[in-house]
């Protein structure tokens, strides 16, 4: 069959039409159907989303002193697809960033577009690195704004403040509990690079500015904290206890003015800290409180009108058999008043007061004072303690719990209970956070005092307070807690240390003193507790001889700082021998 010219032209035309139709179809397919896919691939080569980090909010004390802040720095990242010669770049970065060359070589090789090389690099170091990269015409290394979290006071308040991780998230303390306020909101920016890895500013895409974190103002007064820190350090040097805790709190508002624990650590060197040093024992340690718990017992009996302050209790001359077991007083007492049950810290007297109230009602008062539940303070890890219901008590529990045995409480719970005596019978929620403000100082929220309930009547609280004044006298167990010029109310505690394996550890005690001043208008309540203090002789290892003097020194310095006015008639010098420590008892 012969093809004429017309037929050949038609065939060639059809071939070209088919070819152009195929190209057209392919073009339409790429431009319309595959547009988003290929546009995304192209963007991955030249455009990426850059996070603009928000600056973490500061933590300040009640007077605006900085407790946690930020030092500007930069995070150094690499885009491996922009690096022409990793071998040339590795030694330069290793020297400047003080990183292992083999680690850097692995990060710089491959096709990863965003690799963090080092965070929190000081601005001086990043400036020097930028000059070296520019001089060597090396690309693929980028710098993002960052900051280093710093704590100006080192170990002071370490358990209260806590710290952050490498992602600037709060770990422990206020850093963790106030994370939502402190962290802020990161912003972002879409940026485009040319083939040389340089940003094309004209093509900068969508951008959202960051919102910096808010400032958290604590109730802590750094001046009072410094007093407490110095005294707890002195106590650790003198007595070498296994653990120690001191808390200062404003009884009317629940504001924590100071809180210190030992052992402790430097927050700036937290990588070297041991787990035992990082525990906030004020809220996570559980102890038998000993005789400080007798304020609950006496308050229950007085508030239920089972007795009056002047009612007499026969204390069996020091030994009382109940439920087949003997209960002892450190000294043999006959008939003494309810007030003197606290002044002399009689175990037998406290047991008989609890019996007059009854198991169920006594248990209710223990719970009303806040024991067995978390206080609600803005600190993570708080425990509720252990308070067993009467159904699980033994025959002698009603005589042992009143003296602070068979119960597990935290130091903070004991401080709050004493505050309820000081403030007229109200259980307040302890607070460590005072207010939240924006970075520009604008107020966001203020944490107002919270009264949970009226535990006892104001009259009962006053009656207990009168008895606690007698404790801090030459008649009581805490004569050494006295402060010249001021009336002090307080209670000693000496409890044999509980063995985790069961029973008690022989010769080891948790000694404490809890008190407030001035008695007529309490400005602060304080708790001092030392676990296994090493005294020169066992006869000195009491709350009245170890913890009470520490309270006295703290209270005297705090009164001077707070400018409290002493009573003129109480400011006269005490005669030598007027206050005898030999009268202190194991309570």
Protein backbone atom coordinates (compact mmCIF):
# COMPACT_ATOMS: atom_id res chain seq x y z
CA UNK A 1 0.00 0.00 0.00
CA UNK A 2 1.44 3.32 -1.05
CA UNK A 3 1.27 6.36 1.23
CA UNK A 4 0.60 9.60 -0.53
CA UNK A 5 1.85 12.88 0.80
CA UNK A 6 -1.53 13.88 2.18
CA UNK A 7 -1.78 10.69 4.22
CA UNK A 8 1.75 11.07 5.57
CA UNK A 9 1.05 14.63 6.62
CA UNK A 10 -2.13 13.54 8.37
CA UNK A 11 -0.25 10.82 10.26
CA UNK A 12 2.53 13.20 11.27
CA UNK A 13 -0.08 15.71 12.44
CA UNK A 14 -1.85 13.09 14.45
CA UNK A 15 1.45 12.01 16.01
CA UNK A 16 2.33 15.57 17.01
CA UNK A 17 -1.22 16.11 18.31
CA UNK A 18 -0.94 12.97 20.42
CA UNK A 19 2.50 14.01 21.70
CA UNK A 20 1.37 17.51 22.64
CA UNK A 21 -1.79 16.08 24.18
CA UNK A 22 0.36 13.84 26.38
CA UNK A 23 2.56 16.79 27.36
CA UNK A 24 -0.54 18.88 28.06
CA UNK A 25 -2.08 16.16 30.16
CA UNK A 26 1.18 15.76 32.10
CA UNK A 27 1.42 19.51 32.60
CA UNK A 28 -2.17 19.72 33.85
CA UNK A 29 -1.50 16.73 36.10
CA UNK A 30 1.57 18.37 37.62
CA UNK A 31 0.11 21.86 37.90
CA UNK A 32 -3.30 20.99 39.25
CA UNK A 33 -3.41 17.49 40.64
CA UNK A 34 0.15 17.18 41.96
CA UNK A 35 0.64 20.85 42.80
CA UNK A 36 0.32 20.57 46.57
CA UNK A 37 2.55 17.51 46.74
CA UNK A 38 5.39 19.00 44.75
CA UNK A 39 4.99 22.41 46.33
CA UNK A 40 5.44 20.73 49.69
CA UNK A 41 8.54 18.92 48.49
CA UNK A 42 9.94 22.18 47.18
CA UNK A 43 9.15 23.92 50.45
CA UNK A 44 10.97 21.20 52.38
CA UNK A 45 14.08 22.02 50.40
CA UNK A 46 13.97 25.75 50.98
CA UNK A 47 11.28 26.61 53.58
CA UNK A 48 10.96 25.46 57.20
CA UNK A 49 9.06 26.48 60.29
CA UNK A 50 11.33 28.14 62.82
CA UNK A 51 10.18 28.16 66.45
CA UNK A 52 10.51 31.51 68.23
CA UNK A 53 10.91 30.51 71.86
CA UNK A 54 9.10 32.39 74.59
CA UNK A 55 11.20 33.57 77.50
CA UNK A 56 10.42 31.78 80.75
CA UNK A 57 8.95 33.96 83.47
CA UNK A 58 10.97 34.96 86.51
CA UNK A 59 10.38 33.77 90.08
CA UNK A 60 10.63 36.47 92.75
CA UNK A 61 10.27 36.66 96.51
CA UNK A 62 7.64 38.75 98.31
CA UNK A 63 9.82 41.88 98.03
CA UNK A 64 10.68 41.48 94.35
CA UNK A 65 14.10 39.86 94.87
CA UNK A 66 14.94 37.56 91.94
CA UNK A 67 15.02 33.85 92.77
CA UNK A 68 15.05 32.44 89.22
CA UNK A 69 15.80 34.27 85.97
CA UNK A 70 17.23 33.84 82.47
CA UNK A 71 20.56 34.71 80.85
CA UNK A 72 20.28 35.27 77.06
CA UNK A 73 21.97 32.68 74.88
CA UNK A 74 21.42 30.76 71.66
CA UNK A 75 20.72 27.22 70.55
CA UNK A 76 22.99 26.05 67.73
CA UNK A 77 21.34 23.81 65.12
CA UNK A 78 22.47 22.25 61.87
CA UNK A 79 20.79 21.56 58.53
CA UNK A 80 22.78 18.62 57.16
CA UNK A 81 21.42 19.16 53.61
CA UNK A 82 23.18 22.53 53.50
CA UNK A 83 26.56 21.22 54.66
CA UNK A 84 28.96 20.59 51.79
CA UNK A 85 31.88 19.18 53.80
CA UNK A 86 31.11 17.86 57.29
CA UNK A 87 34.77 16.92 57.82
CA UNK A 88 35.81 20.55 57.49
CA UNK A 89 33.08 21.80 59.83
CA UNK A 90 33.48 19.18 62.58
CA UNK A 91 36.81 20.27 64.16
CA UNK A 92 35.77 23.93 64.21
CA UNK A 93 32.50 23.16 66.02
CA UNK A 94 34.15 20.65 68.36
CA UNK A 95 36.65 23.25 69.53
CA UNK A 96 34.14 26.08 69.97
CA UNK A 97 31.28 24.07 71.50
CA UNK A 98 33.43 21.68 73.52
CA UNK A 99 31.69 18.65 72.04
CA UNK A 100 33.17 15.26 70.99
CA UNK A 101 34.17 15.29 67.27
CA UNK A 102 32.69 11.84 66.63
CA UNK A 103 29.30 12.96 68.04
CA UNK A 104 29.32 16.06 65.82
CA UNK A 105 30.38 14.12 62.74
CA UNK A 106 27.40 11.80 63.12
CA UNK A 107 24.98 14.71 63.48
CA UNK A 108 26.38 16.64 60.50
CA UNK A 109 26.29 13.69 58.10
CA UNK A 110 23.08 12.65 56.36
CA UNK A 111 19.95 14.45 55.24
CA UNK A 112 18.46 15.62 58.52
CA UNK A 113 17.31 19.20 58.21
CA UNK A 114 17.12 20.14 61.89
CA UNK A 115 19.65 18.78 64.36
CA UNK A 116 20.27 20.45 67.73
CA UNK A 117 24.01 20.63 68.37
CA UNK A 118 24.03 22.49 71.70
CA UNK A 119 21.61 24.52 73.79
CA UNK A 120 22.13 27.48 76.10
CA UNK A 121 25.33 28.67 74.43
CA UNK A 122 26.43 32.11 75.74
CA UNK A 123 26.16 35.00 73.29
CA UNK A 124 29.91 35.65 73.39
CA UNK A 125 30.60 32.09 72.24
CA UNK A 126 28.01 32.20 69.45
CA UNK A 127 29.38 35.53 68.21
CA UNK A 128 32.88 34.02 67.93
CA UNK A 129 31.48 30.98 66.12
CA UNK A 130 29.60 33.12 63.62
CA UNK A 131 32.83 34.94 62.71
CA UNK A 132 34.66 31.66 62.13
CA UNK A 133 31.85 30.30 59.93
CA UNK A 134 31.77 33.50 57.90
CA UNK A 135 35.55 33.54 57.45
CA UNK A 136 35.55 29.93 56.27
CA UNK A 137 32.45 30.41 54.08
CA UNK A 138 30.87 27.45 55.83
CA UNK A 139 27.12 27.07 55.77
CA UNK A 140 24.47 24.81 57.30
CA UNK A 141 24.81 26.08 60.87
CA UNK A 142 22.03 28.26 62.29
CA UNK A 143 21.38 30.10 65.55
CA UNK A 144 18.13 30.35 67.47
CA UNK A 145 17.40 32.60 70.43
CA UNK A 146 17.61 30.73 73.72
CA UNK A 147 18.34 31.39 77.38
CA UNK A 148 19.95 29.74 80.39
CA UNK A 149 17.91 29.40 83.58
CA UNK A 150 19.91 30.69 86.53
CA UNK A 151 19.32 30.74 90.28
CA UNK A 152 21.22 33.64 91.91
CA UNK A 153 21.01 32.22 95.44
CA UNK A 154 22.49 28.81 94.71
CA UNK A 155 21.26 26.27 97.26
CA UNK A 156 18.98 28.67 99.12
CA UNK A 157 15.32 27.69 98.64
CA UNK A 158 16.36 24.83 96.34
CA UNK A 159 13.46 22.62 97.44
CA UNK A 160 10.92 25.41 97.03
CA UNK A 161 12.06 26.73 93.65
CA UNK A 162 12.93 23.49 91.85
CA UNK A 163 14.53 23.66 88.39
CA UNK A 164 13.92 23.18 84.64
CA UNK A 165 15.05 20.58 82.13
CA UNK A 166 16.80 21.18 78.79
CA UNK A 167 13.43 21.87 77.16
CA UNK A 168 12.78 24.62 79.74
CA UNK A 169 10.01 22.63 81.41
CA UNK A 170 9.65 22.88 85.17
CA UNK A 171 10.96 20.00 87.28
CA UNK A 172 10.18 19.99 91.02
CA UNK A 173 9.20 22.92 93.19
CA UNK A 174 7.47 26.06 91.99
CA UNK A 175 9.11 25.64 88.58
CA UNK A 176 6.90 22.55 88.13
CA UNK A 177 3.72 23.59 89.96
CA UNK A 178 3.57 26.99 88.19
CA UNK A 179 4.69 25.64 84.80
CA UNK A 180 1.60 26.87 82.94
CA UNK A 181 2.26 30.44 84.09
CA UNK A 182 6.04 30.43 83.73
CA UNK A 183 6.41 28.71 80.38
CA UNK A 184 4.58 31.14 78.11
CA UNK A 185 3.67 30.36 74.49
CA UNK A 186 6.26 29.86 71.76
CA UNK A 187 5.86 31.71 68.47
CA UNK A 188 6.96 30.63 64.98
CA UNK A 189 8.18 31.96 61.65
CA UNK A 190 8.25 30.34 58.18
CA UNK A 191 11.54 31.22 56.48
CA UNK A 192 12.94 30.40 53.01
CA UNK A 193 16.56 29.82 52.08
CA UNK A 194 18.29 30.13 48.73
CA UNK A 195 20.63 27.44 47.37
CA UNK A 196 23.47 28.95 49.43
CA UNK A 197 21.50 28.44 52.63
CA UNK A 198 20.87 32.15 53.19
CA UNK A 199 17.45 33.41 54.24
CA UNK A 200 15.43 35.21 51.56
CA UNK A 201 13.95 37.93 53.75
CA UNK A 202 11.54 39.13 51.06
CA UNK A 203 9.93 35.69 51.03
CA UNK A 204 9.54 35.45 54.80
CA UNK A 205 6.18 33.81 55.45
CA UNK A 206 3.64 33.74 58.24
CA UNK A 207 4.92 34.74 61.66
CA UNK A 208 3.51 34.71 65.19
CA UNK A 209 5.31 36.48 68.00
CA UNK A 210 5.93 34.54 71.25
CA UNK A 211 4.18 35.34 74.50
CA UNK A 212 6.74 35.39 77.32
CA UNK A 213 6.00 33.60 80.57
CA UNK A 214 4.49 35.39 83.55
CA UNK A 215 6.30 36.34 86.72
CA UNK A 216 5.54 34.30 89.83
CA UNK A 217 5.85 36.17 93.13
CA UNK A 218 6.32 33.95 96.18
CA UNK A 219 5.30 34.60 99.77
CA UNK A 220 8.88 33.86 100.80
CA UNK A 221 10.79 36.74 102.36
CA UNK A 222 14.43 36.30 101.38
CA UNK A 223 15.64 38.08 104.52
CA UNK A 224 13.75 35.68 106.78
CA UNK A 225 14.84 32.79 104.59
CA UNK A 226 18.46 33.83 105.09
CA UNK A 227 17.96 33.80 108.88
CA UNK A 228 16.48 30.31 108.72
CA UNK A 229 19.20 29.02 106.38
CA UNK A 230 21.96 30.25 108.65
CA UNK A 231 20.38 28.69 111.73
CA UNK A 232 19.67 25.35 110.13
CA UNK A 233 23.28 25.23 108.89
CA UNK A 234 24.50 25.98 112.42
CA UNK A 235 22.25 23.22 113.78
CA UNK A 236 23.58 20.73 111.23
CA UNK A 237 27.16 21.59 112.19
CA UNK A 238 26.42 21.21 115.90
CA UNK A 239 24.13 18.17 115.95
CA UNK A 240 24.86 16.37 112.64
CA UNK A 241 21.23 15.21 112.22
CA UNK A 242 20.23 12.85 109.45
CA UNK A 243 17.57 15.36 108.34
CA UNK A 244 16.32 18.76 109.44
CA UNK A 245 13.42 21.06 108.53
CA UNK A 246 12.48 24.59 109.57
CA UNK A 247 9.29 26.38 108.46
CA UNK A 248 8.14 29.95 109.11
CA UNK A 249 4.49 30.77 108.35
CA UNK A 250 2.15 33.70 108.86
CA UNK A 251 -0.75 32.16 110.87
CA UNK A 252 -3.57 34.46 109.71
CA UNK A 253 -2.93 34.18 105.97
CA UNK A 254 -1.07 30.88 105.58
CA UNK A 255 1.83 32.61 103.80
CA UNK A 256 5.06 30.63 104.01
CA UNK A 257 7.76 33.15 104.94
CA UNK A 258 10.66 30.69 104.93
CA UNK A 259 11.19 26.99 104.35
CA UNK A 260 14.47 25.09 104.55
CA UNK A 261 15.52 21.44 104.59
CA UNK A 262 18.76 19.58 105.07
CA UNK A 263 20.32 17.88 103.22
CA UNK A 264 20.11 20.23 100.23
CA UNK A 265 21.89 21.02 96.94
CA UNK A 266 22.92 23.86 94.62
CA UNK A 267 20.22 24.26 91.95
CA UNK A 268 22.80 25.53 89.45
CA UNK A 269 24.81 22.31 89.95
CA UNK A 270 21.85 19.96 90.16
CA UNK A 271 23.53 17.29 88.01
CA UNK A 272 25.78 16.58 90.98
CA UNK A 273 22.91 16.34 93.50
CA UNK A 274 21.98 13.06 95.17
CA UNK A 275 18.31 11.97 95.34
CA UNK A 276 18.22 12.37 99.14
CA UNK A 277 19.38 15.98 98.79
CA UNK A 278 16.56 16.88 96.40
CA UNK A 279 13.60 15.97 98.63
CA UNK A 280 11.44 18.73 100.08
CA UNK A 281 11.02 17.06 103.45
CA UNK A 282 8.62 19.74 104.66
CA UNK A 283 5.89 18.22 102.47
CA UNK A 284 7.02 14.67 101.60
CA UNK A 285 8.51 13.37 104.85
CA UNK A 286 6.28 11.60 107.33
CA UNK A 287 7.09 11.49 111.03
CA UNK A 288 5.52 10.74 114.38
CA UNK A 289 5.20 14.23 115.86
CA UNK A 290 5.51 13.28 119.51
CA UNK A 291 4.25 15.70 122.15
CA UNK A 292 3.63 18.63 119.79
CA UNK A 293 0.51 16.63 118.86
CA UNK A 294 -0.85 17.14 122.40
CA UNK A 295 -2.23 20.53 121.32
CA UNK A 296 -4.79 18.60 119.26
CA UNK A 297 -5.70 16.39 122.21
CA UNK A 298 -6.13 19.26 124.65
CA UNK A 299 -8.03 21.35 122.08
CA UNK A 300 -10.52 18.52 121.49
CA UNK A 301 -11.25 18.06 125.20
CA UNK A 302 -11.58 21.79 125.88
CA UNK A 303 -13.66 22.48 122.79
CA UNK A 304 -16.05 19.65 123.67
CA UNK A 305 -16.30 21.12 127.19
CA UNK A 306 -15.26 17.83 128.76
CA UNK A 307 -12.83 19.78 130.91
CA UNK A 308 -11.81 23.35 131.66
CA UNK A 309 -8.21 24.67 131.82
CA UNK A 310 -8.32 24.42 135.62
CA UNK A 311 -9.79 20.91 135.77
CA UNK A 312 -7.44 18.43 137.44
CA UNK A 313 -6.25 15.17 135.94
CA UNK A 314 -4.70 12.48 138.11
CA UNK A 315 -1.52 11.37 136.34
CA UNK A 316 -0.98 8.20 138.35
CA UNK A 317 2.38 9.36 139.75
CA UNK A 318 4.10 8.56 136.48
CA UNK A 319 2.92 5.02 135.54
CA UNK A 320 -0.52 3.99 134.32
CA UNK A 321 -1.57 0.54 133.16
CA UNK A 322 -4.15 0.62 130.41
CA UNK A 323 -5.15 -2.17 128.03
CA UNK A 324 -2.52 -4.44 129.50
CA UNK A 325 0.34 -2.00 128.75
CA UNK A 326 2.08 0.56 130.95
CA UNK A 327 2.12 4.21 129.93
CA UNK A 328 4.89 6.32 131.46
CA UNK A 329 5.52 9.98 132.14
CA UNK A 330 9.08 11.21 132.25
CA UNK A 331 8.39 12.57 135.74
CA UNK A 332 5.88 11.29 138.25
CA UNK A 333 2.92 13.67 138.51
CA UNK A 334 -0.09 13.41 140.79
CA UNK A 335 -3.15 15.60 140.17
CA UNK A 336 -2.33 18.43 137.74
CA UNK A 337 -4.49 20.88 135.80
CA UNK A 338 -5.34 20.48 132.13
CA UNK A 339 -3.14 23.48 131.47
CA UNK A 340 -0.23 21.76 133.20
CA UNK A 341 -0.77 18.63 131.12
CA UNK A 342 0.64 20.74 128.28
CA UNK A 343 3.12 22.67 130.41
CA UNK A 344 4.61 19.48 131.86
CA UNK A 345 3.85 17.45 128.71
CA UNK A 346 2.23 14.57 130.58
CA UNK A 347 1.57 11.51 128.42
CA UNK A 348 -0.87 10.09 130.96
CA UNK A 349 -2.73 13.38 131.22
CA UNK A 350 -3.05 13.60 127.41
CA UNK A 351 -4.32 10.01 127.24
CA UNK A 352 -7.02 10.70 129.83
CA UNK A 353 -8.10 13.84 127.95
CA UNK A 354 -8.57 11.78 124.79
CA UNK A 355 -10.54 9.15 126.69
CA UNK A 356 -12.89 11.84 127.96
CA UNK A 357 -13.63 12.81 124.35
CA UNK A 358 -13.99 9.28 122.99
CA UNK A 359 -12.33 7.54 120.05
CA UNK A 360 -14.65 8.68 117.27
CA UNK A 361 -14.86 12.33 118.35
CA UNK A 362 -11.10 12.49 118.96
CA UNK A 363 -10.50 11.11 115.45
CA UNK A 364 -12.80 13.77 114.04
CA UNK A 365 -10.74 16.52 115.69
CA UNK A 366 -7.53 15.05 114.28
CA UNK A 367 -9.04 15.26 110.81
CA UNK A 368 -10.46 18.73 111.44
CA UNK A 369 -6.94 19.94 112.18
CA UNK A 370 -6.00 18.82 108.66
CA UNK A 371 -4.11 15.63 109.42
CA UNK A 372 -4.60 12.80 106.95
CA UNK A 373 -5.08 15.14 103.96
CA UNK A 374 -2.82 17.31 101.83
CA UNK A 375 -2.64 20.94 102.88
CA UNK A 376 -3.00 22.16 99.29
CA UNK A 377 0.22 24.19 99.15
CA UNK A 378 1.47 25.00 95.63
CA UNK A 379 4.32 22.48 95.79
CA UNK A 380 4.43 19.11 94.02
CA UNK A 381 4.78 15.78 95.76
CA UNK A 382 2.94 16.61 98.98
CA UNK A 383 1.72 13.57 100.91
CA UNK A 384 -1.40 13.35 103.14
CA UNK A 385 0.26 11.47 105.98
CA UNK A 386 -1.31 8.49 107.73
CA UNK A 387 -4.23 8.76 110.15
CA UNK A 388 -6.03 5.47 110.79
CA UNK A 389 -9.77 5.44 111.59
CA UNK A 390 -10.87 4.15 115.00
CA UNK A 391 -12.03 0.86 113.50
CA UNK A 392 -8.37 -0.09 113.00
CA UNK A 393 -7.10 1.13 116.38
CA UNK A 394 -5.77 -1.27 118.96
CA UNK A 395 -6.92 -1.32 122.59
CA UNK A 396 -4.16 1.11 123.56
CA UNK A 397 -4.29 3.43 120.52
CA UNK A 398 -6.56 5.88 122.36
CA UNK A 399 -3.72 6.36 124.87
CA UNK A 400 -0.82 6.49 122.38
CA UNK A 401 -2.20 8.70 119.61
CA UNK A 402 -2.84 11.64 122.02
CA UNK A 403 0.92 11.83 122.67
CA UNK A 404 1.75 11.82 118.96
CA UNK A 405 2.40 8.11 118.39
CA UNK A 406 0.73 5.83 115.80
CA UNK A 407 0.20 8.80 113.45
CA UNK A 408 2.21 9.99 110.48
CA UNK A 409 2.27 13.72 109.76
CA UNK A 410 4.37 16.08 107.65
CA UNK A 411 6.26 19.05 109.12
CA UNK A 412 3.99 21.40 107.18
CA UNK A 413 0.83 19.79 108.61
CA UNK A 414 2.19 20.28 112.12
CA UNK A 415 2.96 23.92 111.35
CA UNK A 416 -0.57 24.49 110.05
CA UNK A 417 -2.04 22.88 113.18
CA UNK A 418 -0.07 25.22 115.43
CA UNK A 419 -1.17 28.15 113.24
CA UNK A 420 -4.78 27.19 113.99
CA UNK A 421 -4.07 27.77 117.69
CA UNK A 422 -2.32 31.08 116.94
CA UNK A 423 -5.05 32.53 114.68
CA UNK A 424 -8.08 31.83 116.84
CA UNK A 425 -8.97 28.30 115.74
CA UNK A 426 -9.06 28.61 111.92
CA UNK A 427 -7.49 26.05 109.58
CA UNK A 428 -5.88 28.01 106.73
CA UNK A 429 -4.42 26.69 103.51
CA UNK A 430 -0.67 27.32 103.46
CA UNK A 431 0.48 29.30 100.42
CA UNK A 432 3.86 29.64 98.77
CA UNK A 433 2.65 31.76 95.78
CA UNK A 434 1.60 35.34 96.44
CA UNK A 435 0.67 36.63 92.97
CA UNK A 436 1.15 36.32 89.21
CA UNK A 437 2.07 39.30 87.01
CA UNK A 438 2.86 39.81 83.36
CA UNK A 439 6.38 40.68 82.27
CA UNK A 440 5.37 44.36 82.13
CA UNK A 441 4.23 44.26 85.76
CA UNK A 442 0.49 44.09 85.07
CA UNK A 443 -1.25 41.98 87.72
CA UNK A 444 -2.96 38.80 86.57
CA UNK A 445 -4.02 37.14 89.80
CA UNK A 446 -3.51 37.32 93.54
CA UNK A 447 -3.74 34.29 95.79
CA UNK A 448 -5.99 35.32 98.66
CA UNK A 449 -5.96 33.57 102.07
CA UNK A 450 -8.25 30.55 102.26
CA UNK A 451 -9.88 29.51 105.53
CA UNK A 452 -10.97 25.90 105.22
CA UNK A 453 -12.94 25.70 108.47
CA UNK A 454 -13.20 26.79 112.07
CA UNK A 455 -11.54 23.89 113.85
CA UNK A 456 -12.03 25.06 117.44
CA UNK A 457 -13.62 28.12 119.00
CA UNK A 458 -11.54 31.28 119.55
CA UNK A 459 -12.01 30.74 123.28
CA UNK A 460 -10.50 27.24 123.10
CA UNK A 461 -7.62 28.54 121.01
CA UNK A 462 -6.96 31.22 123.63
CA UNK A 463 -7.02 28.63 126.42
CA UNK A 464 -4.50 26.45 124.59
CA UNK A 465 -2.37 29.53 123.90
CA UNK A 466 -2.30 30.39 127.61
CA UNK A 467 -1.06 26.89 128.40
CA UNK A 468 1.58 27.10 125.66
CA UNK A 469 2.91 30.27 127.27
CA UNK A 470 3.61 28.19 130.36
CA UNK A 471 5.56 25.70 128.23
CA UNK A 472 8.05 28.47 127.39
CA UNK A 473 8.85 29.26 131.02
CA UNK A 474 11.00 27.87 133.80
CA UNK A 475 8.00 25.67 134.71
CA UNK A 476 7.72 24.13 131.26
CA UNK A 477 9.67 21.95 128.86
CA UNK A 478 10.85 24.78 126.57
CA UNK A 479 12.41 27.45 128.76
CA UNK A 480 15.23 27.77 126.22
CA UNK A 481 12.75 28.90 123.52
CA UNK A 482 12.25 32.23 125.31
CA UNK A 483 13.02 35.52 123.54
CA UNK A 484 13.76 38.58 125.73
CA UNK A 485 10.97 41.12 125.51
CA UNK A 486 8.36 38.79 124.03
CA UNK A 487 5.78 36.28 125.18
CA UNK A 488 6.25 33.00 123.33
CA UNK A 489 3.76 30.17 122.92
CA UNK A 490 5.05 26.76 121.92
CA UNK A 491 5.25 23.03 122.42
CA UNK A 492 8.15 20.60 122.44
CA UNK A 493 8.19 17.17 120.85
CA UNK A 494 10.53 14.20 121.25
CA UNK A 495 9.48 11.04 119.44
CA UNK A 496 11.45 7.84 119.14
CA UNK A 497 12.34 7.36 115.49
CA UNK A 498 10.22 4.85 113.59
CA UNK A 499 12.15 1.97 112.04
CA UNK A 500 11.03 1.40 108.39
CA UNK A 501 11.26 -2.35 109.09
CA UNK A 502 8.86 -2.03 112.03
CA UNK A 503 9.02 -0.81 115.60
CA UNK A 504 11.38 1.94 116.73
CA UNK A 505 15.09 2.57 116.36
CA UNK A 506 16.81 2.36 119.73
CA UNK A 507 18.44 5.59 120.87
CA UNK A 508 17.28 7.65 117.87
CA UNK A 509 14.76 10.47 118.21
CA UNK A 510 13.01 13.11 116.13
CA UNK A 511 13.08 16.27 118.25
CA UNK A 512 10.98 19.32 117.48
CA UNK A 513 9.62 22.61 118.71
CA UNK A 514 6.60 24.40 117.29
CA UNK A 515 5.66 27.87 118.49
CA UNK A 516 4.55 31.39 117.66
CA UNK A 517 5.17 34.99 118.72
CA UNK A 518 4.21 37.49 119.98
CA UNK A 519 1.67 35.55 122.01
CA UNK A 520 -0.86 38.40 122.07
CA UNK A 521 -0.65 39.11 118.30
CA UNK A 522 1.14 36.28 116.49
CA UNK A 523 3.14 37.45 113.46
CA UNK A 524 4.65 34.09 112.63
CA UNK A 525 4.52 30.46 113.65
CA UNK A 526 7.63 28.32 113.31
CA UNK A 527 8.50 24.65 113.39
CA UNK A 528 12.00 23.30 114.01
CA UNK A 529 12.57 19.56 113.64
CA UNK A 530 15.78 17.52 113.67
CA UNK A 531 15.95 13.82 112.87
CA UNK A 532 18.53 11.87 114.90
CA UNK A 533 20.48 14.77 116.40
CA UNK A 534 23.86 13.76 117.85
CA UNK A 535 24.08 15.27 121.34
CA UNK A 536 26.91 14.95 123.85
CA UNK A 537 24.73 12.72 126.02
CA UNK A 538 21.30 11.08 125.59
CA UNK A 539 19.88 13.25 128.38
CA UNK A 540 20.25 16.31 126.11
CA UNK A 541 18.47 14.87 123.07
CA UNK A 542 15.07 16.48 123.72
CA UNK A 543 12.92 18.96 121.87
CA UNK A 544 13.37 21.42 124.73
CA UNK A 545 17.18 21.33 124.67
CA UNK A 546 17.87 20.92 120.94
CA UNK A 547 15.02 22.40 118.88
CA UNK A 548 13.78 25.10 121.28
CA UNK A 549 17.04 27.11 121.36
CA UNK A 550 17.10 27.11 117.55
CA UNK A 551 13.58 28.55 117.55
CA UNK A 552 14.68 31.20 120.04
CA UNK A 553 17.54 32.40 117.84
CA UNK A 554 15.36 32.47 114.73
CA UNK A 555 12.50 34.24 116.53
CA UNK A 556 14.77 36.89 118.00
CA UNK A 557 16.32 37.75 114.63
CA UNK A 558 12.95 37.62 112.87
CA UNK A 559 11.44 39.98 115.46
CA UNK A 560 14.26 42.44 114.86
CA UNK A 561 13.82 42.23 111.08
CA UNK A 562 10.03 42.58 111.29
CA UNK A 563 10.47 45.49 113.71
CA UNK A 564 8.23 43.92 116.35
CA UNK A 565 7.81 46.02 119.48
CA UNK A 566 8.88 44.17 122.66
CA UNK A 567 7.11 44.48 125.98
CA UNK A 568 8.99 46.90 128.15
CA UNK A 569 8.39 44.89 131.33
CA UNK A 570 9.63 41.72 129.59
CA UNK A 571 12.80 43.32 128.28
CA UNK A 572 14.63 43.22 131.60
CA UNK A 573 17.70 40.97 131.63
CA UNK A 574 17.12 37.46 132.94
CA UNK A 575 19.01 36.57 136.12
CA UNK A 576 21.60 33.85 135.81
CA UNK A 577 20.12 30.49 136.60
CA UNK A 578 16.53 31.75 136.33
CA UNK A 579 15.94 29.51 133.33
CA UNK A 580 17.30 26.03 133.95
CA UNK A 581 17.62 23.60 131.09
CA UNK A 582 17.90 20.75 133.52
CA UNK A 583 14.13 20.87 133.95
CA UNK A 584 13.59 19.88 130.31
CA UNK A 585 11.85 16.57 129.83
CA UNK A 586 11.76 14.06 127.02
CA UNK A 587 8.77 15.73 125.32
